C-alpha atoms as a PDB file:
ATOM      1  CA  MET A   1     -26.690  31.909 -32.369  1.00  0.00           C
ATOM      2  CA  MET A   2     -22.994  31.766 -33.292  1.00  0.00           C
ATOM      3  CA  ALA A   3     -22.346  35.103 -31.555  1.00  0.00           C
ATOM      4  CA  THR A   4     -24.018  33.826 -28.387  1.00  0.00           C
ATOM      5  CA  MET A   5     -21.979  30.616 -28.440  1.00  0.00           C
ATOM      6  CA  PHE A   6     -18.793  32.630 -28.970  1.00  0.00           C
ATOM      7  CA  LYS A   7     -19.638  34.899 -26.019  1.00  0.00           C
ATOM      8  CA  MET A   8     -20.369  31.881 -23.810  1.00  0.00           C
ATOM      9  CA  THR A   9     -17.125  30.167 -24.827  1.00  0.00           C
ATOM     10  CA  MET A  10     -15.121  33.315 -24.136  1.00  0.00           C
ATOM     11  CA  GLY A  11     -16.857  33.748 -20.786  1.00  0.00           C
ATOM     12  CA  LEU A  12     -16.058  30.203 -19.732  1.00  0.00           C
ATOM     13  CA  GLY A  13     -12.454  30.686 -20.828  1.00  0.00           C
ATOM     14  CA  VAL A  14     -12.253  33.765 -18.635  1.00  0.00           C
ATOM     15  CA  MET A  15     -13.605  31.705 -15.722  1.00  0.00           C
ATOM     16  CA  VAL A  16     -10.786  29.200 -16.108  1.00  0.00           C
ATOM     17  CA  LEU A  17      -8.238  32.013 -16.099  1.00  0.00           C
ATOM     18  CA  ALA A  18      -9.931  33.527 -13.048  1.00  0.00           C
ATOM     19  CA  ALA A  19      -9.849  30.150 -11.311  1.00  0.00           C
ATOM     20  CA  ALA A  20      -6.111  29.903 -11.951  1.00  0.00           C
ATOM     21  CA  GLN A  21      -5.627  33.331 -10.367  1.00  0.00           C
ATOM     22  CA  VAL A  22      -7.876  32.403  -7.436  1.00  0.00           C
ATOM     23  CA  GLN A  23      -5.908  29.192  -6.965  1.00  0.00           C
ATOM     24  CA  ALA A  24      -2.731  31.252  -6.668  1.00  0.00           C
ATOM     25  CA  GLN A  25      -4.459  33.377  -3.991  1.00  0.00           C
ATOM     26  CA  GLY A  26      -5.550  30.355  -1.947  1.00  0.00           C
ATOM     27  CA  ASN A  27      -9.350  30.241  -2.525  1.00  0.00           C
ATOM     28  CA  CYS A  28      -9.129  26.585  -3.511  1.00  0.00           C
ATOM     29  CA  ALA A  29      -9.443  23.231  -1.761  1.00  0.00           C
ATOM     30  CA  PRO A  30     -10.226  19.608  -2.607  1.00  0.00           C
ATOM     31  CA  ARG A  31     -13.674  19.416  -4.238  1.00  0.00           C
ATOM     32  CA  GLU A  32     -15.209  17.382  -1.402  1.00  0.00           C
ATOM     33  CA  VAL A  33     -14.250  20.073   1.126  1.00  0.00           C
ATOM     34  CA  VAL A  34     -15.678  22.911  -0.984  1.00  0.00           C
ATOM     35  CA  ILE A  35     -18.965  21.094  -1.702  1.00  0.00           C
ATOM     36  CA  GLU A  36     -19.437  20.194   1.958  1.00  0.00           C
ATOM     37  CA  ARG A  37     -18.793  23.779   3.087  1.00  0.00           C
ATOM     38  CA  LEU A  38     -21.214  25.235   0.520  1.00  0.00           C
ATOM     39  CA  ALA A  39     -23.909  22.787   1.651  1.00  0.00           C
ATOM     40  CA  GLU A  40     -23.393  23.137   5.405  1.00  0.00           C
ATOM     41  CA  ARG A  41     -22.679  26.854   5.676  1.00  0.00           C
ATOM     42  CA  TYR A  42     -24.914  28.242   2.915  1.00  0.00           C
ATOM     43  CA  GLY A  43     -27.374  25.443   2.105  1.00  0.00           C
ATOM     44  CA  GLU A  44     -26.215  25.516  -1.512  1.00  0.00           C
ATOM     45  CA  ALA A  45     -26.668  22.599  -3.911  1.00  0.00           C
ATOM     46  CA  ARG A  46     -25.469  22.182  -7.493  1.00  0.00           C
ATOM     47  CA  ARG A  47     -27.804  23.816 -10.026  1.00  0.00           C
ATOM     48  CA  GLY A  48     -25.713  23.683 -13.196  1.00  0.00           C
ATOM     49  CA  ILE A  49     -22.548  22.216 -14.656  1.00  0.00           C
ATOM     50  CA  GLY A  50     -20.446  22.728 -17.785  1.00  0.00           C
ATOM     51  CA  LEU A  51     -17.102  21.795 -19.255  1.00  0.00           C
ATOM     52  CA  VAL A  52     -14.505  24.515 -19.630  1.00  0.00           C
ATOM     53  CA  GLN A  53     -11.149  24.648 -21.324  1.00  0.00           C
ATOM     54  CA  GLN A  54      -8.313  22.315 -20.444  1.00  0.00           C
ATOM     55  CA  GLY A  55     -10.525  19.651 -18.857  1.00  0.00           C
ATOM     56  CA  SER A  56     -11.915  21.838 -16.073  1.00  0.00           C
ATOM     57  CA  VAL A  57     -15.530  21.741 -14.854  1.00  0.00           C
ATOM     58  CA  MET A  58     -17.567  24.836 -13.975  1.00  0.00           C
ATOM     59  CA  GLU A  59     -20.452  24.413 -11.513  1.00  0.00           C
ATOM     60  CA  VAL A  60     -23.115  26.745 -10.178  1.00  0.00           C
ATOM     61  CA  PHE A  61     -24.366  26.154  -6.621  1.00  0.00           C
ATOM     62  CA  ALA A  62     -27.344  27.968  -5.108  1.00  0.00           C
ATOM     63  CA  SER A  63     -29.680  27.917  -2.130  1.00  0.00           C
ATOM     64  CA  ASP A  64     -33.465  28.196  -2.336  1.00  0.00           C
ATOM     65  CA  GLN A  65     -33.615  29.238   1.332  1.00  0.00           C
ATOM     66  CA  THR A  66     -31.009  32.012   1.429  1.00  0.00           C
ATOM     67  CA  GLY A  67     -30.753  32.987  -2.254  1.00  0.00           C
ATOM     68  CA  THR A  68     -26.953  32.761  -2.161  1.00  0.00           C
ATOM     69  CA  TRP A  69     -25.034  31.386  -5.142  1.00  0.00           C
ATOM     70  CA  THR A  70     -21.460  30.341  -5.912  1.00  0.00           C
ATOM     71  CA  ILE A  71     -19.616  29.549  -9.137  1.00  0.00           C
ATOM     72  CA  THR A  72     -16.734  27.096  -8.858  1.00  0.00           C
ATOM     73  CA  VAL A  73     -14.190  25.663 -11.282  1.00  0.00           C
ATOM     74  CA  THR A  74     -12.709  22.235 -10.608  1.00  0.00           C
ATOM     75  CA  MET A  75      -9.331  21.546 -12.184  1.00  0.00           C
ATOM     76  CA  PRO A  76      -8.391  18.112 -13.601  1.00  0.00           C
ATOM     77  CA  ASP A  77      -6.398  17.377 -10.416  1.00  0.00           C
ATOM     78  CA  GLY A  78      -9.584  17.660  -8.281  1.00  0.00           C
ATOM     79  CA  THR A  79      -8.825  21.107  -6.856  1.00  0.00           C
ATOM     80  CA  THR A  80     -11.939  23.292  -6.746  1.00  0.00           C
ATOM     81  CA  CYS A  81     -11.670  27.086  -6.763  1.00  0.00           C
ATOM     82  CA  LEU A  82     -14.317  29.661  -5.890  1.00  0.00           C
ATOM     83  CA  VAL A  83     -14.664  32.016  -8.849  1.00  0.00           C
ATOM     84  CA  ALA A  84     -17.680  34.162  -7.919  1.00  0.00           C
ATOM     85  CA  SER A  85     -20.479  34.332  -5.368  1.00  0.00           C
ATOM     86  CA  GLY A  86     -23.452  36.511  -4.592  1.00  0.00           C
ATOM     87  CA  GLN A  87     -27.037  36.803  -3.456  1.00  0.00           C
ATOM     88  CA  ALA A  88     -30.581  36.911  -4.855  1.00  0.00           C
ATOM     89  CA  TYR A  89     -30.304  33.750  -7.000  1.00  0.00           C
ATOM     90  CA  GLU A  90     -33.462  33.049  -8.995  1.00  0.00           C
ATOM     91  CA  VAL A  91     -34.440  30.196 -11.270  1.00  0.00           C
ATOM     92  CA  ILE A  92     -35.878  31.551 -14.515  1.00  0.00           C
ATOM     93  CA  ALA A  93     -38.079  29.294 -16.600  1.00  0.00           C
ATOM     94  CA  ASP A  94     -37.992  31.526 -19.698  1.00  0.00           C
ATOM     95  CA  ALA A  95     -37.245  29.915 -23.023  1.00  0.00           C
ATOM     96  CA  ALA A  96     -33.834  30.734 -24.446  1.00  0.00           C
ATOM     97  CA  SER A  97     -33.795  34.007 -26.338  1.00  0.00           C
ATOM     98  CA  GLY A  98     -33.971  33.761 -30.120  1.00  0.00           C
ATOM     99  CA  ALA A  99     -31.406  34.874 -32.653  1.00  0.00           C
ATOM    100  CA  GLY A 100     -30.853  38.591 -32.578  1.00  0.00           C
ATOM    101  CA  ASP A 101     -32.078  38.969 -29.003  1.00  0.00           C
ATOM    102  CA  ASP A 102     -29.412  40.299 -26.684  1.00  0.00           C
ATOM    103  CA  ALA A 103     -30.229  39.022 -23.218  1.00  0.00           C
END
């Protein structure tokens, strides 16, 4: 359990660093603009949310119709950056894996 939590924490930390790099490249906008574009262009709605380092918020958006998904990180100043996106999003109703199971 502790190893899984450590991996998740490290992964979220990497997302914040990636968001900072993306912000420098210009893949960021005010949160309202990003959310509206994801909804209108891709039919994506928020499916998950989590807190990341330094007061940032990570969100997962996905569409049931198209299967597209997007991960964003919103900085404390309200700027939202696209961190990753893809296709073939699926909701899995499996129970969380137990200790010792590498998923």
